[in-house]
Full PDB file with SEQRES, HELIX, SHEET, SSBOND, CRYST1, ORIGX, SCALE, CONECT and MASTER records, all heavy atoms in Angstrom:
SEQRES   1 A   40  GLU SER GLY GLY GLY LEU VAL GLN PRO GLY GLY SER LEU          
SEQRES   2 A   40  ARG LEU SER CYS SER ALA SER ARG SER ILE PHE SER ILE          
SEQRES   3 A   40  TYR ALA MET GLY TRP TYR ARG GLN ALA PRO GLY LYS GLN          
SEQRES   4 A   40  ARG                                                          
HELIX    1 AA1 ILE A   23  SER A   25  5                                   3    
CRYST1    1.000    1.000    1.000  90.00  90.00  90.00 P 1           1          
ORIGX1      1.000000  0.000000  0.000000        0.00000                         
ORIGX2      0.000000  1.000000  0.000000        0.00000                         
ORIGX3      0.000000  0.000000  1.000000        0.00000                         
SCALE1      1.000000  0.000000  0.000000        0.00000                         
SCALE2      0.000000  1.000000  0.000000        0.00000                         
SCALE3      0.000000  0.000000  1.000000        0.00000                         
ATOM      1  N   GLU A   1     -11.764  19.455  -1.848  1.00  0.00           N  
ATOM      2  CA  GLU A   1     -11.079  18.238  -1.935  1.00  0.00           C  
ATOM      3  C   GLU A   1     -11.960  17.117  -2.749  1.00  0.00           C  
ATOM      4  O   GLU A   1     -13.151  17.188  -2.660  1.00  0.00           O  
ATOM      5  CB  GLU A   1     -10.673  17.667  -0.688  1.00  0.00           C  
ATOM      6  CG  GLU A   1      -9.870  18.596   0.117  1.00  0.00           C  
ATOM      7  CD  GLU A   1     -10.381  18.802   1.614  1.00  0.00           C  
ATOM      8  OE1 GLU A   1     -11.581  18.663   1.764  1.00  0.00           O  
ATOM      9  OE2 GLU A   1      -9.539  18.937   2.591  1.00  0.00           O  
ATOM     10  N   SER A   2     -11.238  16.245  -3.327  1.00  0.00           N  
ATOM     11  CA  SER A   2     -11.929  15.050  -3.944  1.00  0.00           C  
ATOM     12  C   SER A   2     -10.821  14.010  -4.194  1.00  0.00           C  
ATOM     13  O   SER A   2      -9.703  14.250  -4.036  1.00  0.00           O  
ATOM     14  CB  SER A   2     -12.431  15.510  -5.243  1.00  0.00           C  
ATOM     15  OG  SER A   2     -11.512  15.870  -6.206  1.00  0.00           O  
ATOM     16  N   GLY A   3     -11.367  12.764  -4.399  1.00  0.00           N  
ATOM     17  CA  GLY A   3     -10.505  11.600  -4.701  1.00  0.00           C  
ATOM     18  C   GLY A   3     -10.463  10.642  -3.689  1.00  0.00           C  
ATOM     19  O   GLY A   3      -9.571   9.573  -3.919  1.00  0.00           O  
ATOM     20  N   GLY A   4     -10.929  10.783  -2.508  1.00  0.00           N  
ATOM     21  CA  GLY A   4     -10.841   9.742  -1.448  1.00  0.00           C  
ATOM     22  C   GLY A   4     -11.711   8.435  -1.858  1.00  0.00           C  
ATOM     23  O   GLY A   4     -12.365   8.448  -2.818  1.00  0.00           O  
ATOM     24  N   GLY A   5     -11.425   7.495  -0.991  1.00  0.00           N  
ATOM     25  CA  GLY A   5     -12.271   6.225  -1.247  1.00  0.00           C  
ATOM     26  C   GLY A   5     -11.658   5.109  -0.550  1.00  0.00           C  
ATOM     27  O   GLY A   5     -10.754   5.245   0.263  1.00  0.00           O  
ATOM     28  N   LEU A   6     -12.170   3.852  -0.996  1.00  0.00           N  
ATOM     29  CA  LEU A   6     -11.639   2.596  -0.404  1.00  0.00           C  
ATOM     30  C   LEU A   6     -10.665   1.952  -1.394  1.00  0.00           C  
ATOM     31  O   LEU A   6     -10.930   1.869  -2.553  1.00  0.00           O  
ATOM     32  CB  LEU A   6     -12.872   1.780  -0.167  1.00  0.00           C  
ATOM     33  CG  LEU A   6     -12.491   0.234   0.192  1.00  0.00           C  
ATOM     34  CD1 LEU A   6     -11.891   0.190   1.666  1.00  0.00           C  
ATOM     35  CD2 LEU A   6     -13.801  -0.518   0.286  1.00  0.00           C  
ATOM     36  N   VAL A   7      -9.541   1.541  -0.855  1.00  0.00           N  
ATOM     37  CA  VAL A   7      -8.463   0.923  -1.725  1.00  0.00           C  
ATOM     38  C   VAL A   7      -7.882  -0.150  -0.817  1.00  0.00           C  
ATOM     39  O   VAL A   7      -7.741  -0.133   0.323  1.00  0.00           O  
ATOM     40  CB  VAL A   7      -7.425   2.009  -2.157  1.00  0.00           C  
ATOM     41  CG1 VAL A   7      -6.691   2.567  -0.949  1.00  0.00           C  
ATOM     42  CG2 VAL A   7      -6.538   1.511  -3.202  1.00  0.00           C  
ATOM     43  N   GLN A   8      -7.392  -1.115  -1.577  1.00  0.00           N  
ATOM     44  CA  GLN A   8      -6.761  -2.294  -0.986  1.00  0.00           C  
ATOM     45  C   GLN A   8      -5.280  -1.893  -0.615  1.00  0.00           C  
ATOM     46  O   GLN A   8      -4.800  -1.107  -1.308  1.00  0.00           O  
ATOM     47  CB  GLN A   8      -6.730  -3.537  -1.862  1.00  0.00           C  
ATOM     48  CG  GLN A   8      -8.150  -4.052  -2.141  1.00  0.00           C  
ATOM     49  CD  GLN A   8      -8.096  -5.429  -2.936  1.00  0.00           C  
ATOM     50  OE1 GLN A   8      -7.126  -5.659  -3.554  1.00  0.00           O  
ATOM     51  NE2 GLN A   8      -9.137  -6.231  -2.745  1.00  0.00           N  
ATOM     52  N   PRO A   9      -4.700  -2.562   0.380  1.00  0.00           N  
ATOM     53  CA  PRO A   9      -3.341  -2.340   0.728  1.00  0.00           C  
ATOM     54  C   PRO A   9      -2.447  -2.553  -0.511  1.00  0.00           C  
ATOM     55  O   PRO A   9      -2.626  -3.443  -1.298  1.00  0.00           O  
ATOM     56  CB  PRO A   9      -3.052  -3.360   1.817  1.00  0.00           C  
ATOM     57  CG  PRO A   9      -4.368  -3.623   2.510  1.00  0.00           C  
ATOM     58  CD  PRO A   9      -5.448  -3.450   1.264  1.00  0.00           C  
ATOM     59  N   GLY A  10      -1.526  -1.649  -0.781  1.00  0.00           N  
ATOM     60  CA  GLY A  10      -0.654  -1.757  -1.919  1.00  0.00           C  
ATOM     61  C   GLY A  10      -1.131  -0.736  -3.120  1.00  0.00           C  
ATOM     62  O   GLY A  10      -0.457  -0.822  -4.099  1.00  0.00           O  
ATOM     63  N   GLY A  11      -2.415  -0.401  -3.020  1.00  0.00           N  
ATOM     64  CA  GLY A  11      -2.958   0.361  -4.046  1.00  0.00           C  
ATOM     65  C   GLY A  11      -2.564   1.721  -4.125  1.00  0.00           C  
ATOM     66  O   GLY A  11      -1.803   2.131  -3.204  1.00  0.00           O  
ATOM     67  N   SER A  12      -3.225   2.478  -4.993  1.00  0.00           N  
ATOM     68  CA  SER A  12      -2.998   4.007  -4.981  1.00  0.00           C  
ATOM     69  C   SER A  12      -4.132   4.798  -5.149  1.00  0.00           C  
ATOM     70  O   SER A  12      -5.237   4.295  -5.722  1.00  0.00           O  
ATOM     71  CB  SER A  12      -2.172   4.106  -6.390  1.00  0.00           C  
ATOM     72  OG  SER A  12      -0.921   3.486  -6.333  1.00  0.00           O  
ATOM     73  N   LEU A  13      -4.051   6.128  -4.823  1.00  0.00           N  
ATOM     74  CA  LEU A  13      -5.202   6.958  -4.810  1.00  0.00           C  
ATOM     75  C   LEU A  13      -4.532   8.299  -5.193  1.00  0.00           C  
ATOM     76  O   LEU A  13      -3.374   8.581  -4.695  1.00  0.00           O  
ATOM     77  CB  LEU A  13      -6.015   7.131  -3.621  1.00  0.00           C  
ATOM     78  CG  LEU A  13      -7.078   6.046  -3.254  1.00  0.00           C  
ATOM     79  CD1 LEU A  13      -7.698   6.207  -1.868  1.00  0.00           C  
ATOM     80  CD2 LEU A  13      -8.266   6.132  -4.383  1.00  0.00           C  
ATOM     81  N   ARG A  14      -5.309   9.148  -5.809  1.00  0.00           N  
ATOM     82  CA  ARG A  14      -4.784  10.515  -5.952  1.00  0.00           C  
ATOM     83  C   ARG A  14      -5.881  11.456  -5.426  1.00  0.00           C  
ATOM     84  O   ARG A  14      -7.080  11.440  -5.879  1.00  0.00           O  
ATOM     85  CB  ARG A  14      -4.525  10.927  -7.457  1.00  0.00           C  
ATOM     86  CG  ARG A  14      -3.894  12.326  -7.618  1.00  0.00           C  
ATOM     87  CD  ARG A  14      -3.472  12.600  -9.127  1.00  0.00           C  
ATOM     88  NE  ARG A  14      -4.683  12.945  -9.781  1.00  0.00           N  
ATOM     89  CZ  ARG A  14      -4.655  13.733 -10.970  1.00  0.00           C  
ATOM     90  NH1 ARG A  14      -3.435  14.025 -11.523  1.00  0.00           N  
ATOM     91  NH2 ARG A  14      -5.862  14.180 -11.574  1.00  0.00           N  
ATOM     92  N   LEU A  15      -5.478  12.320  -4.482  1.00  0.00           N  
ATOM     93  CA  LEU A  15      -6.500  13.271  -3.921  1.00  0.00           C  
ATOM     94  C   LEU A  15      -6.056  14.666  -4.762  1.00  0.00           C  
ATOM     95  O   LEU A  15      -4.983  14.992  -5.101  1.00  0.00           O  
ATOM     96  CB  LEU A  15      -6.184  13.584  -2.542  1.00  0.00           C  
ATOM     97  CG  LEU A  15      -6.180  12.182  -1.624  1.00  0.00           C  
ATOM     98  CD1 LEU A  15      -6.056  12.596  -0.150  1.00  0.00           C  
ATOM     99  CD2 LEU A  15      -7.494  11.595  -1.845  1.00  0.00           C  
ATOM    100  N   SER A  16      -7.193  15.415  -4.950  1.00  0.00           N  
ATOM    101  CA  SER A  16      -7.178  16.701  -5.486  1.00  0.00           C  
ATOM    102  C   SER A  16      -7.654  17.789  -4.586  1.00  0.00           C  
ATOM    103  O   SER A  16      -8.734  17.441  -3.750  1.00  0.00           O  
ATOM    104  CB  SER A  16      -7.921  16.907  -6.842  1.00  0.00           C  
ATOM    105  OG  SER A  16      -7.542  15.806  -7.717  1.00  0.00           O  
ATOM    106  N   CYS A  17      -6.979  18.975  -4.561  1.00  0.00           N  
ATOM    107  CA  CYS A  17      -7.535  20.054  -3.785  1.00  0.00           C  
ATOM    108  C   CYS A  17      -7.488  21.357  -4.667  1.00  0.00           C  
ATOM    109  O   CYS A  17      -6.576  21.808  -5.066  1.00  0.00           O  
ATOM    110  CB  CYS A  17      -6.567  20.272  -2.554  1.00  0.00           C  
ATOM    111  SG  CYS A  17      -7.115  21.726  -1.648  1.00  0.00           S  
ATOM    112  N   SER A  18      -8.644  21.776  -4.989  1.00  0.00           N  
ATOM    113  CA  SER A  18      -8.909  23.032  -5.747  1.00  0.00           C  
ATOM    114  C   SER A  18      -9.084  24.216  -4.909  1.00  0.00           C  
ATOM    115  O   SER A  18      -9.899  24.208  -4.041  1.00  0.00           O  
ATOM    116  CB  SER A  18     -10.095  22.970  -6.678  1.00  0.00           C  
ATOM    117  OG  SER A  18      -9.867  21.670  -7.708  1.00  0.00           O  
ATOM    118  N   ALA A  19      -8.358  25.380  -5.223  1.00  0.00           N  
ATOM    119  CA  ALA A  19      -8.377  26.492  -4.478  1.00  0.00           C  
ATOM    120  C   ALA A  19      -9.071  27.598  -5.292  1.00  0.00           C  
ATOM    121  O   ALA A  19      -9.182  27.592  -6.468  1.00  0.00           O  
ATOM    122  CB  ALA A  19      -6.897  27.063  -4.172  1.00  0.00           C  
ATOM    123  N   SER A  20      -9.735  28.509  -4.395  1.00  0.00           N  
ATOM    124  CA  SER A  20     -10.458  29.503  -5.002  1.00  0.00           C  
ATOM    125  C   SER A  20      -9.653  30.673  -5.521  1.00  0.00           C  
ATOM    126  O   SER A  20     -10.165  31.761  -6.153  1.00  0.00           O  
ATOM    127  CB  SER A  20     -11.540  30.148  -4.023  1.00  0.00           C  
ATOM    128  OG  SER A  20     -10.921  30.632  -2.836  1.00  0.00           O  
ATOM    129  N   ARG A  21      -8.378  30.628  -5.411  1.00  0.00           N  
ATOM    130  CA  ARG A  21      -7.514  31.744  -5.863  1.00  0.00           C  
ATOM    131  C   ARG A  21      -6.170  31.108  -6.382  1.00  0.00           C  
ATOM    132  O   ARG A  21      -5.873  29.928  -6.121  1.00  0.00           O  
ATOM    133  CB  ARG A  21      -7.144  32.790  -4.737  1.00  0.00           C  
ATOM    134  CG  ARG A  21      -6.359  32.304  -3.520  1.00  0.00           C  
ATOM    135  CD  ARG A  21      -6.250  33.287  -2.462  1.00  0.00           C  
ATOM    136  NE  ARG A  21      -5.689  34.595  -3.151  1.00  0.00           N  
ATOM    137  CZ  ARG A  21      -6.429  35.686  -2.992  1.00  0.00           C  
ATOM    138  NH1 ARG A  21      -7.598  35.802  -2.519  1.00  0.00           N  
ATOM    139  NH2 ARG A  21      -5.795  36.884  -3.537  1.00  0.00           N  
ATOM    140  N   SER A  22      -5.288  31.915  -7.082  1.00  0.00           N  
ATOM    141  CA  SER A  22      -4.123  31.321  -7.601  1.00  0.00           C  
ATOM    142  C   SER A  22      -3.226  30.610  -6.545  1.00  0.00           C  
ATOM    143  O   SER A  22      -2.957  31.288  -5.433  1.00  0.00           O  
ATOM    144  CB  SER A  22      -3.246  32.467  -8.148  1.00  0.00           C  
ATOM    145  OG  SER A  22      -2.026  32.004  -8.535  1.00  0.00           O  
ATOM    146  N   ILE A  23      -2.945  29.385  -6.774  1.00  0.00           N  
ATOM    147  CA  ILE A  23      -1.997  28.693  -5.730  1.00  0.00           C  
ATOM    148  C   ILE A  23      -0.683  29.422  -5.565  1.00  0.00           C  
ATOM    149  O   ILE A  23       0.017  29.078  -4.531  1.00  0.00           O  
ATOM    150  CB  ILE A  23      -1.973  27.179  -6.080  1.00  0.00           C  
ATOM    151  CG1 ILE A  23      -1.341  26.988  -7.418  1.00  0.00           C  
ATOM    152  CG2 ILE A  23      -3.408  26.511  -5.925  1.00  0.00           C  
ATOM    153  CD1 ILE A  23      -1.048  25.573  -7.782  1.00  0.00           C  
ATOM    154  N   PHE A  24      -0.291  30.062  -6.533  1.00  0.00           N  
ATOM    155  CA  PHE A  24       1.054  30.717  -6.460  1.00  0.00           C  
ATOM    156  C   PHE A  24       1.010  31.934  -5.527  1.00  0.00           C  
ATOM    157  O   PHE A  24       1.949  32.580  -5.247  1.00  0.00           O  
ATOM    158  CB  PHE A  24       1.506  31.119  -7.841  1.00  0.00           C  
ATOM    159  CG  PHE A  24       1.775  29.897  -8.734  1.00  0.00           C  
ATOM    160  CD1 PHE A  24       1.067  29.640  -9.734  1.00  0.00           C  
ATOM    161  CD2 PHE A  24       2.831  28.951  -8.336  1.00  0.00           C  
ATOM    162  CE1 PHE A  24       1.213  28.485 -10.538  1.00  0.00           C  
ATOM    163  CE2 PHE A  24       2.985  27.845  -9.061  1.00  0.00           C  
ATOM    164  CZ  PHE A  24       2.098  27.619 -10.245  1.00  0.00           C  
ATOM    165  N   SER A  25      -0.204  32.421  -5.169  1.00  0.00           N  
ATOM    166  CA  SER A  25      -0.267  33.528  -4.233  1.00  0.00           C  
ATOM    167  C   SER A  25      -0.437  33.012  -2.798  1.00  0.00           C  
ATOM    168  O   SER A  25      -0.483  33.822  -1.911  1.00  0.00           O  
ATOM    169  CB  SER A  25      -1.623  34.471  -4.529  1.00  0.00           C  
ATOM    170  OG  SER A  25      -2.817  33.621  -4.325  1.00  0.00           O  
ATOM    171  N   ILE A  26      -0.554  31.718  -2.698  1.00  0.00           N  
ATOM    172  CA  ILE A  26      -0.683  31.168  -1.318  1.00  0.00           C  
ATOM    173  C   ILE A  26       0.726  30.634  -0.874  1.00  0.00           C  
ATOM    174  O   ILE A  26       1.430  29.855  -1.530  1.00  0.00           O  
ATOM    175  CB  ILE A  26      -1.587  29.980  -1.380  1.00  0.00           C  
ATOM    176  CG1 ILE A  26      -3.011  30.459  -1.845  1.00  0.00           C  
ATOM    177  CG2 ILE A  26      -1.693  29.233   0.006  1.00  0.00           C  
ATOM    178  CD1 ILE A  26      -4.022  29.319  -2.186  1.00  0.00           C  
ATOM    179  N   TYR A  27       1.080  31.004   0.341  1.00  0.00           N  
ATOM    180  CA  TYR A  27       2.526  30.682   0.838  1.00  0.00           C  
ATOM    181  C   TYR A  27       2.790  29.164   0.782  1.00  0.00           C  
ATOM    182  O   TYR A  27       3.800  28.736   0.223  1.00  0.00           O  
ATOM    183  CB  TYR A  27       2.690  31.290   2.125  1.00  0.00           C  
ATOM    184  CG  TYR A  27       4.060  30.806   2.751  1.00  0.00           C  
ATOM    185  CD1 TYR A  27       5.207  31.350   2.297  1.00  0.00           C  
ATOM    186  CD2 TYR A  27       4.123  29.748   3.613  1.00  0.00           C  
ATOM    187  CE1 TYR A  27       6.522  30.890   2.687  1.00  0.00           C  
ATOM    188  CE2 TYR A  27       5.334  29.368   4.230  1.00  0.00           C  
ATOM    189  CZ  TYR A  27       6.562  29.959   3.685  1.00  0.00           C  
ATOM    190  OH  TYR A  27       7.750  29.418   4.127  1.00  0.00           O  
ATOM    191  N   ALA A  28       1.788  28.453   1.303  1.00  0.00           N  
ATOM    192  CA  ALA A  28       2.052  26.999   1.337  1.00  0.00           C  
ATOM    193  C   ALA A  28       0.677  26.378   1.197  1.00  0.00           C  
ATOM    194  O   ALA A  28      -0.306  26.759   1.775  1.00  0.00           O  
ATOM    195  CB  ALA A  28       2.676  26.479   2.548  1.00  0.00           C  
ATOM    196  N   MET A  29       0.603  25.125   0.529  1.00  0.00           N  
ATOM    197  CA  MET A  29      -0.547  24.303   0.487  1.00  0.00           C  
ATOM    198  C   MET A  29      -0.111  23.003   0.773  1.00  0.00           C  
ATOM    199  O   MET A  29       0.955  22.406   0.485  1.00  0.00           O  
ATOM    200  CB  MET A  29      -1.101  24.300  -0.863  1.00  0.00           C  
ATOM    201  CG  MET A  29      -1.831  25.661  -1.179  1.00  0.00           C  
ATOM    202  SD  MET A  29      -2.971  25.525  -2.598  1.00  0.00           S  
ATOM    203  CE  MET A  29      -4.286  24.525  -2.093  1.00  0.00           C  
ATOM    204  N   GLY A  30      -0.958  22.252   1.661  1.00  0.00           N  
ATOM    205  CA  GLY A  30      -0.587  21.013   2.085  1.00  0.00           C  
ATOM    206  C   GLY A  30      -1.655  19.947   2.355  1.00  0.00           C  
ATOM    207  O   GLY A  30      -2.929  20.444   2.347  1.00  0.00           O  
ATOM    208  N   TRP A  31      -1.373  18.865   2.620  1.00  0.00           N  
ATOM    209  CA  TRP A  31      -2.269  17.810   3.043  1.00  0.00           C  
ATOM    210  C   TRP A  31      -2.018  17.337   4.480  1.00  0.00           C  
ATOM    211  O   TRP A  31      -0.863  17.043   4.832  1.00  0.00           O  
ATOM    212  CB  TRP A  31      -2.231  16.592   2.033  1.00  0.00           C  
ATOM    213  CG  TRP A  31      -2.711  16.932   0.720  1.00  0.00           C  
ATOM    214  CD1 TRP A  31      -1.949  17.382  -0.362  1.00  0.00           C  
ATOM    215  CD2 TRP A  31      -4.152  16.895   0.384  1.00  0.00           C  
ATOM    216  NE1 TRP A  31      -2.918  17.452  -1.530  1.00  0.00           N  
ATOM    217  CE2 TRP A  31      -4.102  17.143  -1.104  1.00  0.00           C  
ATOM    218  CE3 TRP A  31      -5.273  16.445   0.899  1.00  0.00           C  
ATOM    219  CZ2 TRP A  31      -5.453  17.346  -1.765  1.00  0.00           C  
ATOM    220  CZ3 TRP A  31      -6.403  16.452   0.209  1.00  0.00           C  
ATOM    221  CH2 TRP A  31      -6.492  16.767  -1.177  1.00  0.00           C  
ATOM    222  N   TYR A  32      -3.069  17.207   5.301  1.00  0.00           N  
ATOM    223  CA  TYR A  32      -3.043  16.796   6.613  1.00  0.00           C  
ATOM    224  C   TYR A  32      -3.877  15.548   6.690  1.00  0.00           C  
ATOM    225  O   TYR A  32      -4.881  15.499   5.891  1.00  0.00           O  
ATOM    226  CB  TYR A  32      -3.362  17.760   7.572  1.00  0.00           C  
ATOM    227  CG  TYR A  32      -2.446  18.807   7.824  1.00  0.00           C  
ATOM    228  CD1 TYR A  32      -2.188  19.859   6.772  1.00  0.00           C  
ATOM    229  CD2 TYR A  32      -1.620  19.030   8.933  1.00  0.00           C  
ATOM    230  CE1 TYR A  32      -1.225  20.866   6.901  1.00  0.00           C  
ATOM    231  CE2 TYR A  32      -0.711  20.116   9.215  1.00  0.00           C  
ATOM    232  CZ  TYR A  32      -0.524  20.933   8.130  1.00  0.00           C  
ATOM    233  OH  TYR A  32       0.300  21.939   8.240  1.00  0.00           O  
ATOM    234  N   ARG A  33      -3.805  14.778   7.742  1.00  0.00           N  
ATOM    235  CA  ARG A  33      -4.766  13.735   7.850  1.00  0.00           C  
ATOM    236  C   ARG A  33      -4.941  13.418   9.344  1.00  0.00           C  
ATOM    237  O   ARG A  33      -4.135  13.899  10.291  1.00  0.00           O  
ATOM    238  CB  ARG A  33      -4.204  12.386   7.250  1.00  0.00           C  
ATOM    239  CG  ARG A  33      -3.057  11.759   7.918  1.00  0.00           C  
ATOM    240  CD  ARG A  33      -2.334  10.533   7.119  1.00  0.00           C  
ATOM    241  NE  ARG A  33      -1.227  10.016   7.803  1.00  0.00           N  
ATOM    242  CZ  ARG A  33      -0.559   9.066   7.095  1.00  0.00           C  
ATOM    243  NH1 ARG A  33      -0.864   8.580   5.992  1.00  0.00           N  
ATOM    244  NH2 ARG A  33       0.533   8.502   7.772  1.00  0.00           N  
ATOM    245  N   GLN A  34      -6.065  12.809   9.594  1.00  0.00           N  
ATOM    246  CA  GLN A  34      -6.465  12.648  11.048  1.00  0.00           C  
ATOM    247  C   GLN A  34      -7.265  11.260  11.068  1.00  0.00           C  
ATOM    248  O   GLN A  34      -8.321  11.074  10.533  1.00  0.00           O  
ATOM    249  CB  GLN A  34      -7.420  13.634  11.626  1.00  0.00           C  
ATOM    250  CG  GLN A  34      -7.641  13.636  13.032  1.00  0.00           C  
ATOM    251  CD  GLN A  34      -8.285  14.857  13.731  1.00  0.00           C  
ATOM    252  OE1 GLN A  34      -8.928  15.692  12.961  1.00  0.00           O  
ATOM    253  NE2 GLN A  34      -8.161  14.948  15.003  1.00  0.00           N  
ATOM    254  N   ALA A  35      -6.623  10.328  11.924  1.00  0.00           N  
ATOM    255  CA  ALA A  35      -7.161   8.971  12.040  1.00  0.00           C  
ATOM    256  C   ALA A  35      -8.019   9.063  13.311  1.00  0.00           C  
ATOM    257  O   ALA A  35      -7.753   9.932  14.114  1.00  0.00           O  
ATOM    258  CB  ALA A  35      -6.127   7.961  12.109  1.00  0.00           C  
ATOM    259  N   PRO A  36      -8.932   8.150  13.524  1.00  0.00           N  
ATOM    260  CA  PRO A  36      -9.845   8.150  14.743  1.00  0.00           C  
ATOM    261  C   PRO A  36      -8.802   8.121  15.952  1.00  0.00           C  
ATOM    262  O   PRO A  36      -8.063   7.285  16.044  1.00  0.00           O  
ATOM    263  CB  PRO A  36     -10.624   6.928  14.511  1.00  0.00           C  
ATOM    264  CG  PRO A  36     -10.770   6.688  13.116  1.00  0.00           C  
ATOM    265  CD  PRO A  36      -9.409   7.163  12.547  1.00  0.00           C  
ATOM    266  N   GLY A  37      -9.189   8.922  16.910  1.00  0.00           N  
ATOM    267  CA  GLY A  37      -8.497   8.904  18.140  1.00  0.00           C  
ATOM    268  C   GLY A  37      -7.136   9.514  18.143  1.00  0.00           C  
ATOM    269  O   GLY A  37      -6.345   9.448  19.191  1.00  0.00           O  
ATOM    270  N   LYS A  38      -6.681  10.030  16.982  1.00  0.00           N  
ATOM    271  CA  LYS A  38      -5.367  10.609  16.855  1.00  0.00           C  
ATOM    272  C   LYS A  38      -5.387  12.168  16.438  1.00  0.00           C  
ATOM    273  O   LYS A  38      -6.360  12.635  15.938  1.00  0.00           O  
ATOM    274  CB  LYS A  38      -4.567   9.914  15.763  1.00  0.00           C  
ATOM    275  CG  LYS A  38      -4.272   8.453  16.163  1.00  0.00           C  
ATOM    276  CD  LYS A  38      -3.257   7.711  15.140  1.00  0.00           C  
ATOM    277  CE  LYS A  38      -2.915   6.358  15.607  1.00  0.00           C  
ATOM    278  NZ  LYS A  38      -1.937   5.715  14.746  1.00  0.00           N  
ATOM    279  N   GLN A  39      -4.288  12.836  16.646  1.00  0.00           N  
ATOM    280  CA  GLN A  39      -4.183  14.236  16.365  1.00  0.00           C  
ATOM    281  C   GLN A  39      -4.073  14.377  14.742  1.00  0.00           C  
ATOM    282  O   GLN A  39      -3.492  13.377  14.004  1.00  0.00           O  
ATOM    283  CB  GLN A  39      -2.996  14.821  17.087  1.00  0.00           C  
ATOM    284  CG  GLN A  39      -3.269  15.033  18.550  1.00  0.00           C  
ATOM    285  CD  GLN A  39      -2.288  15.915  19.122  1.00  0.00           C  
ATOM    286  OE1 GLN A  39      -1.119  15.934  18.808  1.00  0.00           O  
ATOM    287  NE2 GLN A  39      -2.639  16.678  20.224  1.00  0.00           N  
ATOM    288  N   ARG A  40      -4.416  15.469  14.165  1.00  0.00           N  
ATOM    289  CA  ARG A  40      -4.249  15.798  12.882  1.00  0.00           C  
ATOM    290  C   ARG A  40      -2.616  15.963  12.598  1.00  0.00           C  
ATOM    291  O   ARG A  40      -2.009  16.625  13.448  1.00  0.00           O  
ATOM    292  CB  ARG A  40      -4.965  17.048  12.466  1.00  0.00           C  
ATOM    293  CG  ARG A  40      -5.024  17.275  10.988  1.00  0.00           C  
ATOM    294  CD  ARG A  40      -5.969  18.406  10.588  1.00  0.00           C  
ATOM    295  NE  ARG A  40      -7.370  18.228  11.062  1.00  0.00           N  
ATOM    296  CZ  ARG A  40      -8.488  19.003  10.747  1.00  0.00           C  
ATOM    297  NH1 ARG A  40      -8.121  20.019  10.069  1.00  0.00           N  
ATOM    298  NH2 ARG A  40      -9.603  18.669  11.103  1.00  0.00           N  
TER     299      ARG A  40                                                      
MASTER        0    0    0    1    0    0    0    6  298    1    0    4          
END                                                                             
């Protein structure tokens, strides 16, 4: 993964996730997040 950082409210970011094999061979790809003290 890449692309994280600090941004102001209302701003934008783009995250990237590069896979080691063709993404079309993978059933599903997704993004999850985990905040402190919370579940993913």
